[in-house]
Amino acid sequence: MKRTLIRYKAKADAADKNAELVAAVFAELKAAKPDGVRYLTLRLEDDSFVHLVETAADDGSSPLPKLAAFQAFQSGIRERCVEPPMPRGAIIVGNYRMLGEP
């Protein structure tokens, strides 16, 4: 199991559009129900976004890049950002009812 945290800050005039694109990813995930992935996105009050992705595959591969909505979200992401996406490996130190149990 691999967890990745991605953080970036959207431009003020692009944050709502970014949130719409993210919402479309979740709608497609809900419809497709792919196995092997768990995904959470937060929008902070300063228009920063934080994504937490957990993949079950040992190699860290994910079904997300295959989704049309995710591809649309990725298209132009750097142009929507003040601070570009920064992916980092993440280890859960504590979890109380926020995330499902591993």
PDB file of N, CA and C in Angstrom:
ATOM      1  N   MET A   1       0.836  -1.166   0.000  1.00  0.00           N
ATOM      2  CA  MET A   1       0.000   0.000   0.000  1.00  0.00           C
ATOM      3  C   MET A   1       0.888   1.238   0.000  1.00  0.00           C
ATOM      4  N   LYS A   2       0.550   2.178  -0.869  1.00  0.00           N
ATOM      5  CA  LYS A   2       1.331   3.405  -0.984  1.00  0.00           C
ATOM      6  C   LYS A   2       0.394   4.599  -0.797  1.00  0.00           C
ATOM      7  N   ARG A   3       0.844   5.562  -0.011  1.00  0.00           N
ATOM      8  CA  ARG A   3       0.082   6.803   0.191  1.00  0.00           C
ATOM      9  C   ARG A   3       0.907   7.974  -0.314  1.00  0.00           C
ATOM     10  N   THR A   4       0.231   8.857  -1.045  1.00  0.00           N
ATOM     11  CA  THR A   4       0.880  10.054  -1.565  1.00  0.00           C
ATOM     12  C   THR A   4       0.023  11.256  -1.215  1.00  0.00           C
ATOM     13  N   LEU A   5       0.675  12.306  -0.728  1.00  0.00           N
ATOM     14  CA  LEU A   5       0.015  13.562  -0.438  1.00  0.00           C
ATOM     15  C   LEU A   5       0.502  14.582  -1.459  1.00  0.00           C
ATOM     16  N   ILE A   6      -0.424  15.259  -2.108  1.00  0.00           N
ATOM     17  CA  ILE A   6      -0.077  16.276  -3.102  1.00  0.00           C
ATOM     18  C   ILE A   6      -0.683  17.595  -2.645  1.00  0.00           C
ATOM     19  N   ARG A   7       0.149  18.629  -2.608  1.00  0.00           N
ATOM     20  CA  ARG A   7      -0.323  19.947  -2.192  1.00  0.00           C
ATOM     21  C   ARG A   7       0.057  20.959  -3.257  1.00  0.00           C
ATOM     22  N   TYR A   8      -0.856  21.900  -3.522  1.00  0.00           N
ATOM     23  CA  TYR A   8      -0.580  22.995  -4.440  1.00  0.00           C
ATOM     24  C   TYR A   8      -1.524  24.140  -4.119  1.00  0.00           C
ATOM     25  N   LYS A   9      -1.196  25.309  -4.618  1.00  0.00           N
ATOM     26  CA  LYS A   9      -2.061  26.471  -4.406  1.00  0.00           C
ATOM     27  C   LYS A   9      -2.551  26.959  -5.756  1.00  0.00           C
ATOM     28  N   ALA A  10      -3.868  27.040  -5.890  1.00  0.00           N
ATOM     29  CA  ALA A  10      -4.470  27.512  -7.131  1.00  0.00           C
ATOM     30  C   ALA A  10      -4.484  29.035  -7.166  1.00  0.00           C
ATOM     31  N   LYS A  11      -4.479  29.577  -8.364  1.00  0.00           N
ATOM     32  CA  LYS A  11      -4.677  31.013  -8.526  1.00  0.00           C
ATOM     33  C   LYS A  11      -6.101  31.324  -8.071  1.00  0.00           C
ATOM     34  N   ALA A  12      -6.289  32.496  -7.483  1.00  0.00           N
ATOM     35  CA  ALA A  12      -7.603  32.866  -6.953  1.00  0.00           C
ATOM     36  C   ALA A  12      -8.693  32.775  -8.022  1.00  0.00           C
ATOM     37  N   ASP A  13      -8.378  33.185  -9.237  1.00  0.00           N
ATOM     38  CA  ASP A  13      -9.391  33.162 -10.300  1.00  0.00           C
ATOM     39  C   ASP A  13      -9.565  31.781 -10.936  1.00  0.00           C
ATOM     40  N   ALA A  14      -8.773  30.801 -10.516  1.00  0.00           N
ATOM     41  CA  ALA A  14      -8.869  29.453 -11.077  1.00  0.00           C
ATOM     42  C   ALA A  14      -9.281  28.419 -10.035  1.00  0.00           C
ATOM     43  N   ALA A  15      -9.398  28.807  -8.774  1.00  0.00           N
ATOM     44  CA  ALA A  15      -9.666  27.847  -7.696  1.00  0.00           C
ATOM     45  C   ALA A  15     -11.039  27.186  -7.834  1.00  0.00           C
ATOM     46  N   ASP A  16     -12.055  27.957  -8.191  1.00  0.00           N
ATOM     47  CA  ASP A  16     -13.386  27.362  -8.348  1.00  0.00           C
ATOM     48  C   ASP A  16     -13.406  26.363  -9.500  1.00  0.00           C
ATOM     49  N   LYS A  17     -12.762  26.707 -10.611  1.00  0.00           N
ATOM     50  CA  LYS A  17     -12.678  25.791 -11.755  1.00  0.00           C
ATOM     51  C   LYS A  17     -11.925  24.526 -11.357  1.00  0.00           C
ATOM     52  N   ASN A  18     -10.850  24.687 -10.597  1.00  0.00           N
ATOM     53  CA  ASN A  18     -10.091  23.530 -10.136  1.00  0.00           C
ATOM     54  C   ASN A  18     -10.972  22.626  -9.276  1.00  0.00           C
ATOM     55  N   ALA A  19     -11.748  23.235  -8.375  1.00  0.00           N
ATOM     56  CA  ALA A  19     -12.648  22.459  -7.521  1.00  0.00           C
ATOM     57  C   ALA A  19     -13.699  21.717  -8.348  1.00  0.00           C
ATOM     58  N   GLU A  20     -14.199  22.344  -9.401  1.00  0.00           N
ATOM     59  CA  GLU A  20     -15.166  21.684 -10.286  1.00  0.00           C
ATOM     60  C   GLU A  20     -14.533  20.471 -10.972  1.00  0.00           C
ATOM     61  N   LEU A  21     -13.303  20.632 -11.436  1.00  0.00           N
ATOM     62  CA  LEU A  21     -12.607  19.516 -12.089  1.00  0.00           C
ATOM     63  C   LEU A  21     -12.362  18.373 -11.113  1.00  0.00           C
ATOM     64  N   VAL A  22     -12.004  18.708  -9.881  1.00  0.00           N
ATOM     65  CA  VAL A  22     -11.808  17.684  -8.856  1.00  0.00           C
ATOM     66  C   VAL A  22     -13.133  16.977  -8.561  1.00  0.00           C
ATOM     67  N   ALA A  23     -14.206  17.734  -8.446  1.00  0.00           N
ATOM     68  CA  ALA A  23     -15.520  17.142  -8.186  1.00  0.00           C
ATOM     69  C   ALA A  23     -15.907  16.168  -9.297  1.00  0.00           C
ATOM     70  N   ALA A  24     -15.548  16.475 -10.534  1.00  0.00           N
ATOM     71  CA  ALA A  24     -15.833  15.575 -11.653  1.00  0.00           C
ATOM     72  C   ALA A  24     -15.057  14.268 -11.524  1.00  0.00           C
ATOM     73  N   VAL A  25     -13.841  14.346 -11.005  1.00  0.00           N
ATOM     74  CA  VAL A  25     -13.059  13.120 -10.766  1.00  0.00           C
ATOM     75  C   VAL A  25     -13.790  12.234  -9.759  1.00  0.00           C
ATOM     76  N   PHE A  26     -14.273  12.838  -8.677  1.00  0.00           N
ATOM     77  CA  PHE A  26     -14.981  12.054  -7.666  1.00  0.00           C
ATOM     78  C   PHE A  26     -16.290  11.487  -8.211  1.00  0.00           C
ATOM     79  N   ALA A  27     -16.971  12.220  -9.065  1.00  0.00           N
ATOM     80  CA  ALA A  27     -18.193  11.703  -9.687  1.00  0.00           C
ATOM     81  C   ALA A  27     -17.878  10.488 -10.555  1.00  0.00           C
ATOM     82  N   GLU A  28     -16.790  10.556 -11.318  1.00  0.00           N
ATOM     83  CA  GLU A  28     -16.411   9.408 -12.153  1.00  0.00           C
ATOM     84  C   GLU A  28     -15.955   8.237 -11.296  1.00  0.00           C
ATOM     85  N   LEU A  29     -15.234   8.517 -10.213  1.00  0.00           N
ATOM     86  CA  LEU A  29     -14.833   7.439  -9.305  1.00  0.00           C
ATOM     87  C   LEU A  29     -16.066   6.752  -8.712  1.00  0.00           C
ATOM     88  N   LYS A  30     -17.042   7.542  -8.317  1.00  0.00           N
ATOM     89  CA  LYS A  30     -18.265   6.975  -7.738  1.00  0.00           C
ATOM     90  C   LYS A  30     -18.991   6.090  -8.748  1.00  0.00           C
ATOM     91  N   ALA A  31     -18.998   6.504 -10.002  1.00  0.00           N
ATOM     92  CA  ALA A  31     -19.668   5.723 -11.045  1.00  0.00           C
ATOM     93  C   ALA A  31     -18.870   4.480 -11.432  1.00  0.00           C
ATOM     94  N   ALA A  32     -17.557   4.621 -11.558  1.00  0.00           N
ATOM     95  CA  ALA A  32     -16.713   3.517 -12.032  1.00  0.00           C
ATOM     96  C   ALA A  32     -16.356   2.525 -10.932  1.00  0.00           C
ATOM     97  N   LYS A  33     -16.261   2.994  -9.690  1.00  0.00           N
ATOM     98  CA  LYS A  33     -15.921   2.159  -8.537  1.00  0.00           C
ATOM     99  C   LYS A  33     -14.659   1.307  -8.754  1.00  0.00           C
ATOM    100  N   PRO A  34     -13.548   1.933  -9.161  1.00  0.00           N
ATOM    101  CA  PRO A  34     -12.336   1.124  -9.374  1.00  0.00           C
ATOM    102  C   PRO A  34     -11.799   0.591  -8.045  1.00  0.00           C
ATOM    103  N   ASP A  35     -11.252  -0.602  -8.107  1.00  0.00           N
ATOM    104  CA  ASP A  35     -10.614  -1.201  -6.932  1.00  0.00           C
ATOM    105  C   ASP A  35      -9.197  -0.663  -6.790  1.00  0.00           C
ATOM    106  N   GLY A  36      -8.680  -0.778  -5.585  1.00  0.00           N
ATOM    107  CA  GLY A  36      -7.269  -0.511  -5.363  1.00  0.00           C
ATOM    108  C   GLY A  36      -6.897   0.942  -5.178  1.00  0.00           C
ATOM    109  N   VAL A  37      -7.879   1.819  -4.962  1.00  0.00           N
ATOM    110  CA  VAL A  37      -7.548   3.227  -4.762  1.00  0.00           C
ATOM    111  C   VAL A  37      -8.517   3.848  -3.763  1.00  0.00           C
ATOM    112  N   ARG A  38      -7.970   4.712  -2.923  1.00  0.00           N
ATOM    113  CA  ARG A  38      -8.755   5.553  -2.019  1.00  0.00           C
ATOM    114  C   ARG A  38      -8.232   6.964  -2.219  1.00  0.00           C
ATOM    115  N   TYR A  39      -9.138   7.937  -2.177  1.00  0.00           N
ATOM    116  CA  TYR A  39      -8.757   9.289  -2.593  1.00  0.00           C
ATOM    117  C   TYR A  39      -9.551  10.315  -1.796  1.00  0.00           C
ATOM    118  N   LEU A  40      -8.865  11.335  -1.335  1.00  0.00           N
ATOM    119  CA  LEU A  40      -9.468  12.414  -0.569  1.00  0.00           C
ATOM    120  C   LEU A  40      -8.870  13.728  -1.055  1.00  0.00           C
ATOM    121  N   THR A  41      -9.711  14.739  -1.222  1.00  0.00           N
ATOM    122  CA  THR A  41      -9.217  16.064  -1.586  1.00  0.00           C
ATOM    123  C   THR A  41      -9.818  17.100  -0.647  1.00  0.00           C
ATOM    124  N   LEU A  42      -8.975  18.019  -0.186  1.00  0.00           N
ATOM    125  CA  LEU A  42      -9.405  19.133   0.651  1.00  0.00           C
ATOM    126  C   LEU A  42      -9.052  20.431  -0.053  1.00  0.00           C
ATOM    127  N   ARG A  43      -9.949  21.416   0.068  1.00  0.00           N
ATOM    128  CA  ARG A  43      -9.647  22.770  -0.399  1.00  0.00           C
ATOM    129  C   ARG A  43      -9.526  23.642   0.845  1.00  0.00           C
ATOM    130  N   LEU A  44      -8.382  24.265   1.008  1.00  0.00           N
ATOM    131  CA  LEU A  44      -8.145  25.114   2.164  1.00  0.00           C
ATOM    132  C   LEU A  44      -8.624  26.528   1.874  1.00  0.00           C
ATOM    133  N   GLU A  45      -8.788  27.316   2.918  1.00  0.00           N
ATOM    134  CA  GLU A  45      -9.358  28.656   2.757  1.00  0.00           C
ATOM    135  C   GLU A  45      -8.486  29.603   1.944  1.00  0.00           C
ATOM    136  N   ASP A  46      -7.205  29.278   1.758  1.00  0.00           N
ATOM    137  CA  ASP A  46      -6.331  30.123   0.936  1.00  0.00           C
ATOM    138  C   ASP A  46      -6.241  29.623  -0.509  1.00  0.00           C
ATOM    139  N   ASP A  47      -7.175  28.748  -0.908  1.00  0.00           N
ATOM    140  CA  ASP A  47      -7.235  28.142  -2.245  1.00  0.00           C
ATOM    141  C   ASP A  47      -6.103  27.167  -2.514  1.00  0.00           C
ATOM    142  N   SER A  48      -5.491  26.664  -1.438  1.00  0.00           N
ATOM    143  CA  SER A  48      -4.585  25.525  -1.574  1.00  0.00           C
ATOM    144  C   SER A  48      -5.438  24.270  -1.610  1.00  0.00           C
ATOM    145  N   PHE A  49      -4.957  23.274  -2.306  1.00  0.00           N
ATOM    146  CA  PHE A  49      -5.635  21.986  -2.375  1.00  0.00           C
ATOM    147  C   PHE A  49      -4.677  20.923  -1.857  1.00  0.00           C
ATOM    148  N   VAL A  50      -5.221  19.958  -1.147  1.00  0.00           N
ATOM    149  CA  VAL A  50      -4.449  18.834  -0.625  1.00  0.00           C
ATOM    150  C   VAL A  50      -5.167  17.564  -1.059  1.00  0.00           C
ATOM    151  N   HIS A  51      -4.457  16.708  -1.741  1.00  0.00           N
ATOM    152  CA  HIS A  51      -4.994  15.425  -2.189  1.00  0.00           C
ATOM    153  C   HIS A  51      -4.236  14.321  -1.455  1.00  0.00           C
ATOM    154  N   LEU A  52      -4.955  13.343  -0.956  1.00  0.00           N
ATOM    155  CA  LEU A  52      -4.347  12.161  -0.352  1.00  0.00           C
ATOM    156  C   LEU A  52      -4.817  10.958  -1.161  1.00  0.00           C
ATOM    157  N   VAL A  53      -3.856  10.254  -1.740  1.00  0.00           N
ATOM    158  CA  VAL A  53      -4.149   9.099  -2.587  1.00  0.00           C
ATOM    159  C   VAL A  53      -3.525   7.871  -1.947  1.00  0.00           C
ATOM    160  N   GLU A  54      -4.323   6.835  -1.815  1.00  0.00           N
ATOM    161  CA  GLU A  54      -3.824   5.562  -1.301  1.00  0.00           C
ATOM    162  C   GLU A  54      -4.075   4.508  -2.370  1.00  0.00           C
ATOM    163  N   THR A  55      -3.016   3.819  -2.769  1.00  0.00           N
ATOM    164  CA  THR A  55      -3.135   2.766  -3.774  1.00  0.00           C
ATOM    165  C   THR A  55      -2.731   1.431  -3.165  1.00  0.00           C
ATOM    166  N   ALA A  56      -3.442   0.402  -3.556  1.00  0.00           N
ATOM    167  CA  ALA A  56      -3.184  -0.924  -3.014  1.00  0.00           C
ATOM    168  C   ALA A  56      -2.059  -1.644  -3.755  1.00  0.00           C
ATOM    169  N   ALA A  57      -1.799  -1.247  -4.987  1.00  0.00           N
ATOM    170  CA  ALA A  57      -0.776  -1.927  -5.791  1.00  0.00           C
ATOM    171  C   ALA A  57       0.607  -1.705  -5.186  1.00  0.00           C
ATOM    172  N   ASP A  58       1.403  -2.756  -5.144  1.00  0.00           N
ATOM    173  CA  ASP A  58       2.754  -2.671  -4.587  1.00  0.00           C
ATOM    174  C   ASP A  58       3.622  -1.660  -5.317  1.00  0.00           C
ATOM    175  N   ASP A  59       3.389  -1.513  -6.621  1.00  0.00           N
ATOM    176  CA  ASP A  59       4.198  -0.578  -7.407  1.00  0.00           C
ATOM    177  C   ASP A  59       3.652   0.850  -7.352  1.00  0.00           C
ATOM    178  N   GLY A  60       2.571   1.060  -6.613  1.00  0.00           N
ATOM    179  CA  GLY A  60       2.010   2.397  -6.471  1.00  0.00           C
ATOM    180  C   GLY A  60       1.147   2.837  -7.633  1.00  0.00           C
ATOM    181  N   SER A  61       0.918   1.919  -8.591  1.00  0.00           N
ATOM    182  CA  SER A  61       0.096   2.298  -9.739  1.00  0.00           C
ATOM    183  C   SER A  61      -1.344   2.548  -9.286  1.00  0.00           C
ATOM    184  N   SER A  62      -2.016   3.377 -10.033  1.00  0.00           N
ATOM    185  CA  SER A  62      -3.353   3.821  -9.657  1.00  0.00           C
ATOM    186  C   SER A  62      -4.263   3.834 -10.872  1.00  0.00           C
ATOM    187  N   PRO A  63      -5.550   3.571 -10.676  1.00  0.00           N
ATOM    188  CA  PRO A  63      -6.500   3.687 -11.778  1.00  0.00           C
ATOM    189  C   PRO A  63      -6.859   5.139 -12.090  1.00  0.00           C
ATOM    190  N   LEU A  64      -6.474   6.085 -11.242  1.00  0.00           N
ATOM    191  CA  LEU A  64      -6.847   7.491 -11.456  1.00  0.00           C
ATOM    192  C   LEU A  64      -6.438   8.030 -12.828  1.00  0.00           C
ATOM    193  N   PRO A  65      -5.197   7.848 -13.273  1.00  0.00           N
ATOM    194  CA  PRO A  65      -4.802   8.430 -14.562  1.00  0.00           C
ATOM    195  C   PRO A  65      -5.603   7.916 -15.753  1.00  0.00           C
ATOM    196  N   LYS A  66      -6.293   6.801 -15.600  1.00  0.00           N
ATOM    197  CA  LYS A  66      -7.091   6.249 -16.697  1.00  0.00           C
ATOM    198  C   LYS A  66      -8.462   6.906 -16.806  1.00  0.00           C
ATOM    199  N   LEU A  67      -8.879   7.639 -15.779  1.00  0.00           N
ATOM    200  CA  LEU A  67     -10.193   8.273 -15.784  1.00  0.00           C
ATOM    201  C   LEU A  67     -10.181   9.523 -16.656  1.00  0.00           C
ATOM    202  N   ALA A  68     -11.196   9.689 -17.486  1.00  0.00           N
ATOM    203  CA  ALA A  68     -11.293  10.871 -18.357  1.00  0.00           C
ATOM    204  C   ALA A  68     -11.347  12.150 -17.531  1.00  0.00           C
ATOM    205  N   ALA A  69     -12.082  12.130 -16.432  1.00  0.00           N
ATOM    206  CA  ALA A  69     -12.195  13.329 -15.587  1.00  0.00           C
ATOM    207  C   ALA A  69     -10.853  13.680 -14.956  1.00  0.00           C
ATOM    208  N   PHE A  70     -10.065  12.678 -14.609  1.00  0.00           N
ATOM    209  CA  PHE A  70      -8.747  12.951 -14.033  1.00  0.00           C
ATOM    210  C   PHE A  70      -7.822  13.536 -15.088  1.00  0.00           C
ATOM    211  N   GLN A  71      -7.915  13.023 -16.304  1.00  0.00           N
ATOM    212  CA  GLN A  71      -7.111  13.569 -17.398  1.00  0.00           C
ATOM    213  C   GLN A  71      -7.480  15.020 -17.660  1.00  0.00           C
ATOM    214  N   ALA A  72      -8.783  15.349 -17.590  1.00  0.00           N
ATOM    215  CA  ALA A  72      -9.226  16.737 -17.758  1.00  0.00           C
ATOM    216  C   ALA A  72      -8.708  17.604 -16.614  1.00  0.00           C
ATOM    217  N   PHE A  73      -8.725  17.068 -15.401  1.00  0.00           N
ATOM    218  CA  PHE A  73      -8.199  17.789 -14.241  1.00  0.00           C
ATOM    219  C   PHE A  73      -6.704  18.074 -14.417  1.00  0.00           C
ATOM    220  N   GLN A  74      -5.953  17.090 -14.859  1.00  0.00           N
ATOM    221  CA  GLN A  74      -4.503  17.239 -15.032  1.00  0.00           C
ATOM    222  C   GLN A  74      -4.160  18.239 -16.132  1.00  0.00           C
ATOM    223  N   SER A  75      -5.007  18.320 -17.151  1.00  0.00           N
ATOM    224  CA  SER A  75      -4.753  19.217 -18.265  1.00  0.00           C
ATOM    225  C   SER A  75      -4.821  20.668 -17.775  1.00  0.00           C
ATOM    226  N   GLY A  76      -3.742  21.370 -17.869  1.00  0.00           N
ATOM    227  CA  GLY A  76      -3.706  22.770 -17.467  1.00  0.00           C
ATOM    228  C   GLY A  76      -3.528  23.016 -15.979  1.00  0.00           C
ATOM    229  N   ILE A  77      -3.216  21.980 -15.212  1.00  0.00           N
ATOM    230  CA  ILE A  77      -3.076  22.152 -13.766  1.00  0.00           C
ATOM    231  C   ILE A  77      -2.016  23.197 -13.436  1.00  0.00           C
ATOM    232  N   ARG A  78      -0.911  23.185 -14.116  1.00  0.00           N
ATOM    233  CA  ARG A  78       0.167  24.143 -13.797  1.00  0.00           C
ATOM    234  C   ARG A  78      -0.258  25.583 -14.094  1.00  0.00           C
ATOM    235  N   GLU A  79      -1.080  25.773 -15.116  1.00  0.00           N
ATOM    236  CA  GLU A  79      -1.562  27.118 -15.434  1.00  0.00           C
ATOM    237  C   GLU A  79      -2.563  27.616 -14.392  1.00  0.00           C
ATOM    238  N   ARG A  80      -3.233  26.700 -13.683  1.00  0.00           N
ATOM    239  CA  ARG A  80      -4.206  27.087 -12.660  1.00  0.00           C
ATOM    240  C   ARG A  80      -3.542  27.357 -11.304  1.00  0.00           C
ATOM    241  N   CYS A  81      -2.238  27.124 -11.215  1.00  0.00           N
ATOM    242  CA  CYS A  81      -1.568  27.169  -9.915  1.00  0.00           C
ATOM    243  C   CYS A  81      -0.625  28.350  -9.737  1.00  0.00           C
ATOM    244  N   VAL A  82      -0.582  28.829  -8.504  1.00  0.00           N
ATOM    245  CA  VAL A  82       0.434  29.784  -8.067  1.00  0.00           C
ATOM    246  C   VAL A  82       1.645  28.988  -7.587  1.00  0.00           C
ATOM    247  N   GLU A  83       1.367  27.903  -6.858  1.00  0.00           N
ATOM    248  CA  GLU A  83       2.391  26.965  -6.403  1.00  0.00           C
ATOM    249  C   GLU A  83       2.078  25.623  -7.047  1.00  0.00           C
ATOM    250  N   PRO A  84       3.016  25.038  -7.782  1.00  0.00           N
ATOM    251  CA  PRO A  84       2.736  23.794  -8.501  1.00  0.00           C
ATOM    252  C   PRO A  84       2.533  22.604  -7.562  1.00  0.00           C
ATOM    253  N   PRO A  85       1.915  21.546  -8.083  1.00  0.00           N
ATOM    254  CA  PRO A  85       1.715  20.339  -7.277  1.00  0.00           C
ATOM    255  C   PRO A  85       3.044  19.772  -6.777  1.00  0.00           C
ATOM    256  N   MET A  86       3.041  19.404  -5.499  1.00  0.00           N
ATOM    257  CA  MET A  86       4.221  18.837  -4.850  1.00  0.00           C
ATOM    258  C   MET A  86       3.834  17.490  -4.254  1.00  0.00           C
ATOM    259  N   PRO A  87       4.047  16.390  -4.976  1.00  0.00           N
ATOM    260  CA  PRO A  87       3.719  15.071  -4.421  1.00  0.00           C
ATOM    261  C   PRO A  87       4.786  14.600  -3.438  1.00  0.00           C
ATOM    262  N   ARG A  88       4.327  14.015  -2.353  1.00  0.00           N
ATOM    263  CA  ARG A  88       5.225  13.477  -1.329  1.00  0.00           C
ATOM    264  C   ARG A  88       4.638  12.176  -0.808  1.00  0.00           C
ATOM    265  N   GLY A  89       5.492  11.210  -0.546  1.00  0.00           N
ATOM    266  CA  GLY A  89       5.044   9.995   0.117  1.00  0.00           C
ATOM    267  C   GLY A  89       4.548  10.357   1.509  1.00  0.00           C
ATOM    268  N   ALA A  90       3.547   9.649   1.987  1.00  0.00           N
ATOM    269  CA  ALA A  90       2.971   9.967   3.296  1.00  0.00           C
ATOM    270  C   ALA A  90       2.734   8.697   4.095  1.00  0.00           C
ATOM    271  N   ILE A  91       2.969   8.810   5.387  1.00  0.00           N
ATOM    272  CA  ILE A  91       2.726   7.711   6.323  1.00  0.00           C
ATOM    273  C   ILE A  91       1.738   8.210   7.362  1.00  0.00           C
ATOM    274  N   ILE A  92       0.690   7.466   7.595  1.00  0.00           N
ATOM    275  CA  ILE A  92      -0.291   7.853   8.600  1.00  0.00           C
ATOM    276  C   ILE A  92       0.293   7.580   9.978  1.00  0.00           C
ATOM    277  N   VAL A  93       0.371   8.609  10.785  1.00  0.00           N
ATOM    278  CA  VAL A  93       0.899   8.493  12.136  1.00  0.00           C
ATOM    279  C   VAL A  93      -0.256   8.232  13.109  1.00  0.00           C
ATOM    280  N   GLY A  94      -1.380   8.829  12.856  1.00  0.00           N
ATOM    281  CA  GLY A  94      -2.563   8.640  13.672  1.00  0.00           C
ATOM    282  C   GLY A  94      -3.809   8.837  12.829  1.00  0.00           C
ATOM    283  N   ASN A  95      -4.874   8.126  13.168  1.00  0.00           N
ATOM    284  CA  ASN A  95      -6.114   8.201  12.408  1.00  0.00           C
ATOM    285  C   ASN A  95      -7.263   7.826  13.357  1.00  0.00           C
ATOM    286  N   TYR A  96      -8.112   8.758  13.615  1.00  0.00           N
ATOM    287  CA  TYR A  96      -9.284   8.457  14.431  1.00  0.00           C
ATOM    288  C   TYR A  96     -10.539   8.742  13.611  1.00  0.00           C
ATOM    289  N   ARG A  97     -11.085   7.699  13.026  1.00  0.00           N
ATOM    290  CA  ARG A  97     -12.328   7.750  12.263  1.00  0.00           C
ATOM    291  C   ARG A  97     -12.315   8.641  11.033  1.00  0.00           C
ATOM    292  N   MET A  98     -11.194   9.206  10.680  1.00  0.00           N
ATOM    293  CA  MET A  98     -11.147  10.056   9.499  1.00  0.00           C
ATOM    294  C   MET A  98     -10.994   9.228   8.228  1.00  0.00           C
ATOM    295  N   LEU A  99     -10.095   8.319   8.258  1.00  0.00           N
ATOM    296  CA  LEU A  99      -9.825   7.448   7.128  1.00  0.00           C
ATOM    297  C   LEU A  99     -10.233   6.030   7.505  1.00  0.00           C
ATOM    298  N   GLY A 100     -10.594   5.226   6.515  1.00  0.00           N
ATOM    299  CA  GLY A 100     -10.920   3.833   6.791  1.00  0.00           C
ATOM    300  C   GLY A 100      -9.711   3.114   7.347  1.00  0.00           C
ATOM    301  N   GLU A 101      -9.951   2.069   8.050  1.00  0.00           N
ATOM    302  CA  GLU A 101      -8.836   1.289   8.613  1.00  0.00           C
ATOM    303  C   GLU A 101      -8.155   0.507   7.512  1.00  0.00           C
ATOM    304  N   PRO A 102      -6.827   0.407   7.554  1.00  0.00           N
ATOM    305  CA  PRO A 102      -6.083  -0.337   6.517  1.00  0.00           C
ATOM    306  C   PRO A 102      -6.409  -1.822   6.532  1.00  0.00           C
TER     307      PRO A 102
END
